Amino acid sequence: MIHSKTPIAIVLLFILSLGAIRLVGCHSTRAASTSSSGKPTPASAARPSQPGAASKHPPRDSSVFALYHNPTYGVSFRFPRNYAIEEQLEPGDSSPDDSSLVRRQQELADAQPGSTLIVSVVVPDDAYPNTTFSEGFLQLAINPGISQPACRALAAPSDGHTRTGKTIVDGIPFYWREHDSADSGTAYTRRDYAGFSSGSCYEFFLEVSSTANAANDAPSSRPDVLKVLRPLEKIVSSLQIRPATPK
């Protein structure tokens, strides 16, 4: 009888040993997932970081927007790639006398002596198909010859129908005014911005126009002015002013 019970005792002893080993293993695993304060540590904290993972993302909107930079005046901004850029030509360069940029520079110089039109951004004619959209553009000018109060006055309301506001661009307050008008079947919305920085007045001129269409002048054919202005507003908000590069 004694010899027949011995194998059973050995088997029971072996099973009890395995149970003790499993209990020790479970205790070790729980200890590894608990911080010194007794609180569970997130699983992500134990995972090694992957260097360079953030650099895999391409620059935001790089395929949609381009960068305009003018070191002479120390200004830069982003604009839609499909919009046209017209720059102020350097002295001595030839330019058609009837070009829109030359005409607008002359008009600006007459209204604001000392002001220089730097660049124009033009919305493509086919940007808003099946509407009466006629023209849309943004212009940037600089005037180093006026004071800060005079600069702010350039965006003061001209009448009771003028809408006004203020936006911060590159840390600079830009005051703006906006009004609507119509002339010979064309409706205009104009918005002027003025901001003062480092002794100079910076101005943006935005304009959107649409023409009456005798064949189809239903409301659905008229461009949404706010929709056309929105990309131009983004150009204004992306402006950066830095020290100009000496010529």
C-alpha atoms as a PDB file:
ATOM      1  CA  MET A   1       0.000   0.000   0.000  1.00  0.00           C
ATOM      2  CA  ILE A   2       2.796   2.409   0.842  1.00  0.00           C
ATOM      3  CA  HIS A   3       4.484   1.806  -2.506  1.00  0.00           C
ATOM      4  CA  SER A   4       1.215   2.375  -4.423  1.00  0.00           C
ATOM      5  CA  LYS A   5       0.588   5.813  -2.819  1.00  0.00           C
ATOM      6  CA  THR A   6       4.081   7.214  -3.468  1.00  0.00           C
ATOM      7  CA  PRO A   7       3.577   8.130  -7.186  1.00  0.00           C
ATOM      8  CA  ILE A   8       0.341   9.925  -6.334  1.00  0.00           C
ATOM      9  CA  ALA A   9       2.112  12.071  -3.724  1.00  0.00           C
ATOM     10  CA  ILE A  10       4.846  12.941  -6.187  1.00  0.00           C
ATOM     11  CA  VAL A  11       2.273  14.017  -8.782  1.00  0.00           C
ATOM     12  CA  LEU A  12       0.406  16.193  -6.250  1.00  0.00           C
ATOM     13  CA  LEU A  13       3.682  17.809  -5.177  1.00  0.00           C
ATOM     14  CA  PHE A  14       4.537  18.571  -8.820  1.00  0.00           C
ATOM     15  CA  ILE A  15       1.107  20.189  -9.470  1.00  0.00           C
ATOM     16  CA  LEU A  16       1.409  22.370  -6.359  1.00  0.00           C
ATOM     17  CA  SER A  17       4.866  23.518  -7.532  1.00  0.00           C
ATOM     18  CA  LEU A  18       3.503  24.586 -10.924  1.00  0.00           C
ATOM     19  CA  GLY A  19       0.722  26.615  -9.258  1.00  0.00           C
ATOM     20  CA  ALA A  20       3.226  28.468  -7.105  1.00  0.00           C
ATOM     21  CA  ILE A  21       5.343  29.355 -10.158  1.00  0.00           C
ATOM     22  CA  ARG A  22       2.280  30.757 -11.978  1.00  0.00           C
ATOM     23  CA  LEU A  23       1.327  32.915  -8.987  1.00  0.00           C
ATOM     24  CA  VAL A  24       4.831  34.390  -8.824  1.00  0.00           C
ATOM     25  CA  GLY A  25       4.725  35.155 -12.577  1.00  0.00           C
ATOM     26  CA  CYS A  26       1.385  36.970 -12.327  1.00  0.00           C
ATOM     27  CA  HIS A  27       2.620  39.069  -9.438  1.00  0.00           C
ATOM     28  CA  SER A  28       5.729  40.090 -11.402  1.00  0.00           C
ATOM     29  CA  THR A  29       3.656  41.116 -14.435  1.00  0.00           C
ATOM     30  CA  ARG A  30       1.369  43.316 -12.350  1.00  0.00           C
ATOM     31  CA  ALA A  31       4.312  44.954 -10.666  1.00  0.00           C
ATOM     32  CA  ALA A  32       5.825  45.882 -14.022  1.00  0.00           C
ATOM     33  CA  SER A  33       2.653  47.719 -15.105  1.00  0.00           C
ATOM     34  CA  THR A  34       2.333  49.733 -11.877  1.00  0.00           C
ATOM     35  CA  SER A  35       4.189  52.941 -11.088  1.00  0.00           C
ATOM     36  CA  SER A  36       5.941  53.691  -7.814  1.00  0.00           C
ATOM     37  CA  SER A  37       2.828  55.521  -6.603  1.00  0.00           C
ATOM     38  CA  GLY A  38       0.720  52.418  -7.106  1.00  0.00           C
ATOM     39  CA  LYS A  39      -1.183  53.849 -10.106  1.00  0.00           C
ATOM     40  CA  PRO A  40      -1.277  52.001 -13.438  1.00  0.00           C
ATOM     41  CA  THR A  41       1.119  53.347 -16.075  1.00  0.00           C
ATOM     42  CA  PRO A  42      -0.415  53.908 -19.568  1.00  0.00           C
ATOM     43  CA  ALA A  43       0.718  51.342 -22.079  1.00  0.00           C
ATOM     44  CA  SER A  44       1.859  54.048 -24.470  1.00  0.00           C
ATOM     45  CA  ALA A  45       4.325  55.344 -21.880  1.00  0.00           C
ATOM     46  CA  ALA A  46       6.238  52.092 -22.020  1.00  0.00           C
ATOM     47  CA  ARG A  47       6.543  52.172 -25.813  1.00  0.00           C
ATOM     48  CA  PRO A  48       9.714  53.713 -27.226  1.00  0.00           C
ATOM     49  CA  SER A  49       9.106  56.828 -29.335  1.00  0.00           C
ATOM     50  CA  GLN A  50       9.725  56.711 -33.056  1.00  0.00           C
ATOM     51  CA  PRO A  51      12.188  59.449 -34.018  1.00  0.00           C
ATOM     52  CA  GLY A  52      11.338  61.363 -37.166  1.00  0.00           C
ATOM     53  CA  ALA A  53       7.689  60.335 -37.268  1.00  0.00           C
ATOM     54  CA  ALA A  54       6.437  63.947 -37.303  1.00  0.00           C
ATOM     55  CA  SER A  55       8.734  64.867 -40.187  1.00  0.00           C
ATOM     56  CA  LYS A  56       6.866  62.486 -42.505  1.00  0.00           C
ATOM     57  CA  HIS A  57       3.947  64.915 -42.838  1.00  0.00           C
ATOM     58  CA  PRO A  58       4.271  67.290 -45.853  1.00  0.00           C
ATOM     59  CA  PRO A  59       4.002  71.063 -45.314  1.00  0.00           C
ATOM     60  CA  ARG A  60       0.362  72.068 -44.832  1.00  0.00           C
ATOM     61  CA  ASP A  61      -1.331  73.321 -48.011  1.00  0.00           C
ATOM     62  CA  SER A  62       2.005  73.341 -49.862  1.00  0.00           C
ATOM     63  CA  SER A  63       0.299  72.146 -53.037  1.00  0.00           C
ATOM     64  CA  VAL A  64      -2.430  74.799 -52.855  1.00  0.00           C
ATOM     65  CA  PHE A  65      -0.574  77.932 -51.728  1.00  0.00           C
ATOM     66  CA  ALA A  66       2.602  79.616 -52.899  1.00  0.00           C
ATOM     67  CA  LEU A  67       4.824  82.087 -51.057  1.00  0.00           C
ATOM     68  CA  TYR A  68       5.365  85.643 -52.217  1.00  0.00           C
ATOM     69  CA  HIS A  69       8.471  87.297 -50.760  1.00  0.00           C
ATOM     70  CA  ASN A  70       9.788  90.779 -51.459  1.00  0.00           C
ATOM     71  CA  PRO A  71      13.108  91.356 -49.647  1.00  0.00           C
ATOM     72  CA  THR A  72      13.279  94.974 -50.832  1.00  0.00           C
ATOM     73  CA  TYR A  73      10.264  95.898 -48.706  1.00  0.00           C
ATOM     74  CA  GLY A  74      10.585  93.053 -46.181  1.00  0.00           C
ATOM     75  CA  VAL A  75       7.103  91.607 -46.813  1.00  0.00           C
ATOM     76  CA  SER A  76       5.881  88.107 -47.548  1.00  0.00           C
ATOM     77  CA  PHE A  77       2.528  86.334 -47.694  1.00  0.00           C
ATOM     78  CA  ARG A  78       0.904  83.144 -48.956  1.00  0.00           C
ATOM     79  CA  PHE A  79      -1.513  83.122 -51.887  1.00  0.00           C
ATOM     80  CA  PRO A  80      -3.380  80.510 -53.954  1.00  0.00           C
ATOM     81  CA  ARG A  81      -1.132  79.099 -56.652  1.00  0.00           C
ATOM     82  CA  ASN A  82      -3.691  79.660 -59.397  1.00  0.00           C
ATOM     83  CA  TYR A  83      -3.857  83.408 -58.679  1.00  0.00           C
ATOM     84  CA  ALA A  84      -1.698  85.756 -60.761  1.00  0.00           C
ATOM     85  CA  ILE A  85       1.023  87.991 -59.299  1.00  0.00           C
ATOM     86  CA  GLU A  86       1.881  91.421 -60.716  1.00  0.00           C
ATOM     87  CA  GLU A  87       4.880  93.122 -59.126  1.00  0.00           C
ATOM     88  CA  GLN A  88       5.932  96.731 -59.184  1.00  0.00           C
ATOM     89  CA  LEU A  89       8.733  96.994 -61.709  1.00  0.00           C
ATOM     90  CA  GLU A  90      12.107  98.349 -60.709  1.00  0.00           C
ATOM     91  CA  PRO A  91      13.144 101.767 -62.055  1.00  0.00           C
ATOM     92  CA  GLY A  92      14.446 101.446 -65.588  1.00  0.00           C
ATOM     93  CA  ASP A  93      12.347  98.388 -66.464  1.00  0.00           C
ATOM     94  CA  SER A  94       9.959  98.809 -69.377  1.00  0.00           C
ATOM     95  CA  SER A  95       6.242  98.391 -68.810  1.00  0.00           C
ATOM     96  CA  PRO A  96       3.148  99.119 -70.906  1.00  0.00           C
ATOM     97  CA  ASP A  97       1.747 102.517 -69.956  1.00  0.00           C
ATOM     98  CA  ASP A  98      -1.771 101.108 -69.978  1.00  0.00           C
ATOM     99  CA  SER A  99      -1.056  98.147 -67.657  1.00  0.00           C
ATOM    100  CA  SER A 100      -3.424  97.904 -64.686  1.00  0.00           C
ATOM    101  CA  LEU A 101      -0.587  98.072 -62.169  1.00  0.00           C
ATOM    102  CA  VAL A 102       0.809 101.291 -63.659  1.00  0.00           C
ATOM    103  CA  ARG A 103      -2.629 102.919 -63.730  1.00  0.00           C
ATOM    104  CA  ARG A 104      -3.375 101.961 -60.152  1.00  0.00           C
ATOM    105  CA  GLN A 105       0.029 103.172 -59.002  1.00  0.00           C
ATOM    106  CA  GLN A 106      -0.666 106.535 -60.582  1.00  0.00           C
ATOM    107  CA  GLU A 107      -4.085 106.706 -58.937  1.00  0.00           C
ATOM    108  CA  LEU A 108      -2.605 105.776 -55.561  1.00  0.00           C
ATOM    109  CA  ALA A 109       0.199 108.336 -55.878  1.00  0.00           C
ATOM    110  CA  ASP A 110      -2.361 111.062 -56.642  1.00  0.00           C
ATOM    111  CA  ALA A 111      -4.504 110.119 -53.643  1.00  0.00           C
ATOM    112  CA  GLN A 112      -1.644 109.330 -51.246  1.00  0.00           C
ATOM    113  CA  PRO A 113       1.662 111.009 -52.120  1.00  0.00           C
ATOM    114  CA  GLY A 114       4.615 108.870 -51.083  1.00  0.00           C
ATOM    115  CA  SER A 115       2.711 105.581 -51.215  1.00  0.00           C
ATOM    116  CA  THR A 116       4.118 102.753 -53.353  1.00  0.00           C
ATOM    117  CA  LEU A 117       2.105  99.892 -54.741  1.00  0.00           C
ATOM    118  CA  ILE A 118       4.239  96.780 -54.192  1.00  0.00           C
ATOM    119  CA  VAL A 119       2.243  93.907 -55.645  1.00  0.00           C
ATOM    120  CA  SER A 120      -1.164  92.877 -56.962  1.00  0.00           C
ATOM    121  CA  VAL A 121      -2.743  89.433 -56.610  1.00  0.00           C
ATOM    122  CA  VAL A 122      -5.414  88.795 -59.248  1.00  0.00           C
ATOM    123  CA  VAL A 123      -8.216  86.220 -59.043  1.00  0.00           C
ATOM    124  CA  PRO A 124      -8.509  84.183 -62.279  1.00  0.00           C
ATOM    125  CA  ASP A 125     -11.407  85.173 -64.533  1.00  0.00           C
ATOM    126  CA  ASP A 126     -12.704  81.588 -64.543  1.00  0.00           C
ATOM    127  CA  ALA A 127     -12.477  81.088 -60.779  1.00  0.00           C
ATOM    128  CA  TYR A 128     -16.269  81.254 -60.347  1.00  0.00           C
ATOM    129  CA  PRO A 129     -17.907  79.740 -63.449  1.00  0.00           C
ATOM    130  CA  ASN A 130     -21.614  80.102 -64.172  1.00  0.00           C
ATOM    131  CA  THR A 131     -21.789  83.343 -62.200  1.00  0.00           C
ATOM    132  CA  THR A 132     -21.560  87.029 -63.107  1.00  0.00           C
ATOM    133  CA  PHE A 133     -18.169  87.335 -61.392  1.00  0.00           C
ATOM    134  CA  SER A 134     -16.152  89.980 -63.208  1.00  0.00           C
ATOM    135  CA  GLU A 135     -12.972  90.730 -61.286  1.00  0.00           C
ATOM    136  CA  GLY A 136     -11.273  90.211 -57.956  1.00  0.00           C
ATOM    137  CA  PHE A 137      -7.900  91.374 -56.733  1.00  0.00           C
ATOM    138  CA  LEU A 138      -5.768  92.306 -53.748  1.00  0.00           C
ATOM    139  CA  GLN A 139      -3.067  94.976 -53.688  1.00  0.00           C
ATOM    140  CA  LEU A 140      -0.387  95.715 -51.098  1.00  0.00           C
ATOM    141  CA  ALA A 141       1.091  99.205 -50.727  1.00  0.00           C
ATOM    142  CA  ILE A 142       3.533 100.847 -48.314  1.00  0.00           C
ATOM    143  CA  ASN A 143       3.833 104.479 -47.291  1.00  0.00           C
ATOM    144  CA  PRO A 144       6.787 105.405 -45.056  1.00  0.00           C
ATOM    145  CA  GLY A 145       5.922 109.100 -45.026  1.00  0.00           C
ATOM    146  CA  ILE A 146       2.842 109.274 -42.774  1.00  0.00           C
ATOM    147  CA  SER A 147       2.260 108.955 -39.028  1.00  0.00           C
ATOM    148  CA  GLN A 148       0.412 106.199 -37.198  1.00  0.00           C
ATOM    149  CA  PRO A 149      -2.758 108.272 -36.658  1.00  0.00           C
ATOM    150  CA  ALA A 150      -2.784 109.252 -40.339  1.00  0.00           C
ATOM    151  CA  CYS A 151      -2.350 105.607 -41.283  1.00  0.00           C
ATOM    152  CA  ARG A 152      -5.293 104.521 -39.148  1.00  0.00           C
ATOM    153  CA  ALA A 153      -7.419 107.314 -40.620  1.00  0.00           C
ATOM    154  CA  LEU A 154      -7.039 105.671 -44.054  1.00  0.00           C
ATOM    155  CA  ALA A 155      -9.404 102.940 -42.847  1.00  0.00           C
ATOM    156  CA  ALA A 156     -11.874 105.269 -41.123  1.00  0.00           C
ATOM    157  CA  PRO A 157     -15.514 105.003 -42.294  1.00  0.00           C
ATOM    158  CA  SER A 158     -16.377 107.359 -45.125  1.00  0.00           C
ATOM    159  CA  ASP A 159     -20.168 107.289 -44.617  1.00  0.00           C
ATOM    160  CA  GLY A 160     -22.911 105.627 -42.628  1.00  0.00           C
ATOM    161  CA  HIS A 161     -23.025 102.642 -44.994  1.00  0.00           C
ATOM    162  CA  THR A 162     -19.390 101.684 -44.448  1.00  0.00           C
ATOM    163  CA  ARG A 163     -18.643  98.525 -42.482  1.00  0.00           C
ATOM    164  CA  THR A 164     -15.551  98.584 -40.276  1.00  0.00           C
ATOM    165  CA  GLY A 165     -13.480  96.174 -38.229  1.00  0.00           C
ATOM    166  CA  LYS A 166     -10.028  95.252 -36.995  1.00  0.00           C
ATOM    167  CA  THR A 167      -7.833  92.191 -37.445  1.00  0.00           C
ATOM    168  CA  ILE A 168      -4.416  91.330 -36.005  1.00  0.00           C
ATOM    169  CA  VAL A 169      -1.840  90.449 -38.650  1.00  0.00           C
ATOM    170  CA  ASP A 170       1.642  89.356 -37.571  1.00  0.00           C
ATOM    171  CA  GLY A 171       0.993  91.080 -34.229  1.00  0.00           C
ATOM    172  CA  ILE A 172       0.000  94.352 -35.933  1.00  0.00           C
ATOM    173  CA  PRO A 173      -3.529  95.829 -35.679  1.00  0.00           C
ATOM    174  CA  PHE A 174      -4.953  96.322 -39.167  1.00  0.00           C
ATOM    175  CA  TYR A 175      -8.114  98.435 -39.287  1.00  0.00           C
ATOM    176  CA  TRP A 176     -10.402  97.972 -42.256  1.00  0.00           C
ATOM    177  CA  ARG A 177     -13.438  99.517 -43.888  1.00  0.00           C
ATOM    178  CA  GLU A 178     -15.736  98.018 -46.510  1.00  0.00           C
ATOM    179  CA  HIS A 179     -18.457  99.435 -48.693  1.00  0.00           C
ATOM    180  CA  ASP A 180     -20.540  98.486 -51.713  1.00  0.00           C
ATOM    181  CA  SER A 181     -21.238 100.518 -54.830  1.00  0.00           C
ATOM    182  CA  ALA A 182     -22.596 100.148 -58.343  1.00  0.00           C
ATOM    183  CA  ASP A 183     -21.759 101.822 -61.612  1.00  0.00           C
ATOM    184  CA  SER A 184     -23.010 101.152 -65.151  1.00  0.00           C
ATOM    185  CA  GLY A 185     -24.368  97.713 -64.369  1.00  0.00           C
ATOM    186  CA  THR A 186     -21.356  96.588 -62.318  1.00  0.00           C
ATOM    187  CA  ALA A 187     -21.549  95.986 -58.568  1.00  0.00           C
ATOM    188  CA  TYR A 188     -18.421  96.512 -56.459  1.00  0.00           C
ATOM    189  CA  THR A 189     -17.381  95.511 -52.957  1.00  0.00           C
ATOM    190  CA  ARG A 190     -14.219  97.220 -51.741  1.00  0.00           C
ATOM    191  CA  ARG A 191     -12.314  96.697 -48.519  1.00  0.00           C
ATOM    192  CA  ASP A 192      -9.291  98.742 -47.409  1.00  0.00           C
ATOM    193  CA  TYR A 193      -6.878  97.689 -44.646  1.00  0.00           C
ATOM    194  CA  ALA A 194      -4.321  99.927 -42.918  1.00  0.00           C
ATOM    195  CA  GLY A 195      -1.690  98.877 -40.369  1.00  0.00           C
ATOM    196  CA  PHE A 196       1.304 100.726 -38.962  1.00  0.00           C
ATOM    197  CA  SER A 197       4.650  99.059 -38.188  1.00  0.00           C
ATOM    198  CA  SER A 198       8.271 100.235 -37.851  1.00  0.00           C
ATOM    199  CA  GLY A 199       7.529 103.743 -39.083  1.00  0.00           C
ATOM    200  CA  SER A 200       5.584 102.728 -42.198  1.00  0.00           C
ATOM    201  CA  CYS A 201       1.935 102.378 -43.110  1.00  0.00           C
ATOM    202  CA  TYR A 202       0.978  99.122 -44.839  1.00  0.00           C
ATOM    203  CA  GLU A 203      -2.234  99.006 -46.845  1.00  0.00           C
ATOM    204  CA  PHE A 204      -4.245  96.253 -48.492  1.00  0.00           C
ATOM    205  CA  PHE A 205      -6.886  97.024 -51.121  1.00  0.00           C
ATOM    206  CA  LEU A 206      -9.395  94.264 -51.869  1.00  0.00           C
ATOM    207  CA  GLU A 207     -12.021  94.519 -54.583  1.00  0.00           C
ATOM    208  CA  VAL A 208     -14.632  92.142 -55.982  1.00  0.00           C
ATOM    209  CA  SER A 209     -16.940  93.073 -58.849  1.00  0.00           C
ATOM    210  CA  SER A 210     -19.747  91.405 -60.760  1.00  0.00           C
ATOM    211  CA  THR A 211     -21.709  92.489 -63.805  1.00  0.00           C
ATOM    212  CA  ALA A 212     -25.409  92.323 -64.561  1.00  0.00           C
ATOM    213  CA  ASN A 213     -26.282  89.570 -66.994  1.00  0.00           C
ATOM    214  CA  ALA A 214     -29.398  90.421 -69.008  1.00  0.00           C
ATOM    215  CA  ALA A 215     -29.825  86.802 -70.102  1.00  0.00           C
ATOM    216  CA  ASN A 216     -29.441  85.298 -66.641  1.00  0.00           C
ATOM    217  CA  ASP A 217     -29.293  87.671 -63.696  1.00  0.00           C
ATOM    218  CA  ALA A 218     -30.970  85.336 -61.218  1.00  0.00           C
ATOM    219  CA  PRO A 219     -29.575  85.369 -57.675  1.00  0.00           C
ATOM    220  CA  SER A 220     -27.975  81.962 -58.294  1.00  0.00           C
ATOM    221  CA  SER A 221     -25.804  83.458 -61.048  1.00  0.00           C
ATOM    222  CA  ARG A 222     -24.374  86.187 -58.837  1.00  0.00           C
ATOM    223  CA  PRO A 223     -21.126  85.313 -57.040  1.00  0.00           C
ATOM    224  CA  ASP A 224     -21.155  85.120 -53.267  1.00  0.00           C
ATOM    225  CA  VAL A 225     -19.026  88.141 -52.312  1.00  0.00           C
ATOM    226  CA  LEU A 226     -17.943  86.590 -49.015  1.00  0.00           C
ATOM    227  CA  LYS A 227     -16.859  83.450 -50.871  1.00  0.00           C
ATOM    228  CA  VAL A 228     -14.681  85.503 -53.222  1.00  0.00           C
ATOM    229  CA  LEU A 229     -13.281  87.630 -50.399  1.00  0.00           C
ATOM    230  CA  ARG A 230     -12.357  84.693 -48.178  1.00  0.00           C
ATOM    231  CA  PRO A 231      -9.169  83.647 -50.059  1.00  0.00           C
ATOM    232  CA  LEU A 232      -8.127  87.316 -50.219  1.00  0.00           C
ATOM    233  CA  GLU A 233      -8.657  87.658 -46.460  1.00  0.00           C
ATOM    234  CA  LYS A 234      -6.382  84.658 -45.937  1.00  0.00           C
ATOM    235  CA  ILE A 235      -3.669  86.425 -47.921  1.00  0.00           C
ATOM    236  CA  VAL A 236      -3.953  89.421 -45.601  1.00  0.00           C
ATOM    237  CA  SER A 237      -3.794  87.249 -42.477  1.00  0.00           C
ATOM    238  CA  SER A 238      -0.638  85.501 -43.733  1.00  0.00           C
ATOM    239  CA  LEU A 239       1.347  88.759 -44.113  1.00  0.00           C
ATOM    240  CA  GLN A 240       4.748  88.840 -42.406  1.00  0.00           C
ATOM    241  CA  ILE A 241       6.859  91.982 -42.095  1.00  0.00           C
ATOM    242  CA  ARG A 242      10.605  91.680 -41.544  1.00  0.00           C
ATOM    243  CA  PRO A 243      13.538  94.098 -41.887  1.00  0.00           C
ATOM    244  CA  ALA A 244      14.040  95.013 -45.527  1.00  0.00           C
ATOM    245  CA  THR A 245      17.167  93.903 -47.340  1.00  0.00           C
ATOM    246  CA  PRO A 246      19.391  96.861 -48.256  1.00  0.00           C
ATOM    247  CA  LYS A 247      19.647  97.415 -52.001  1.00  0.00           C
END
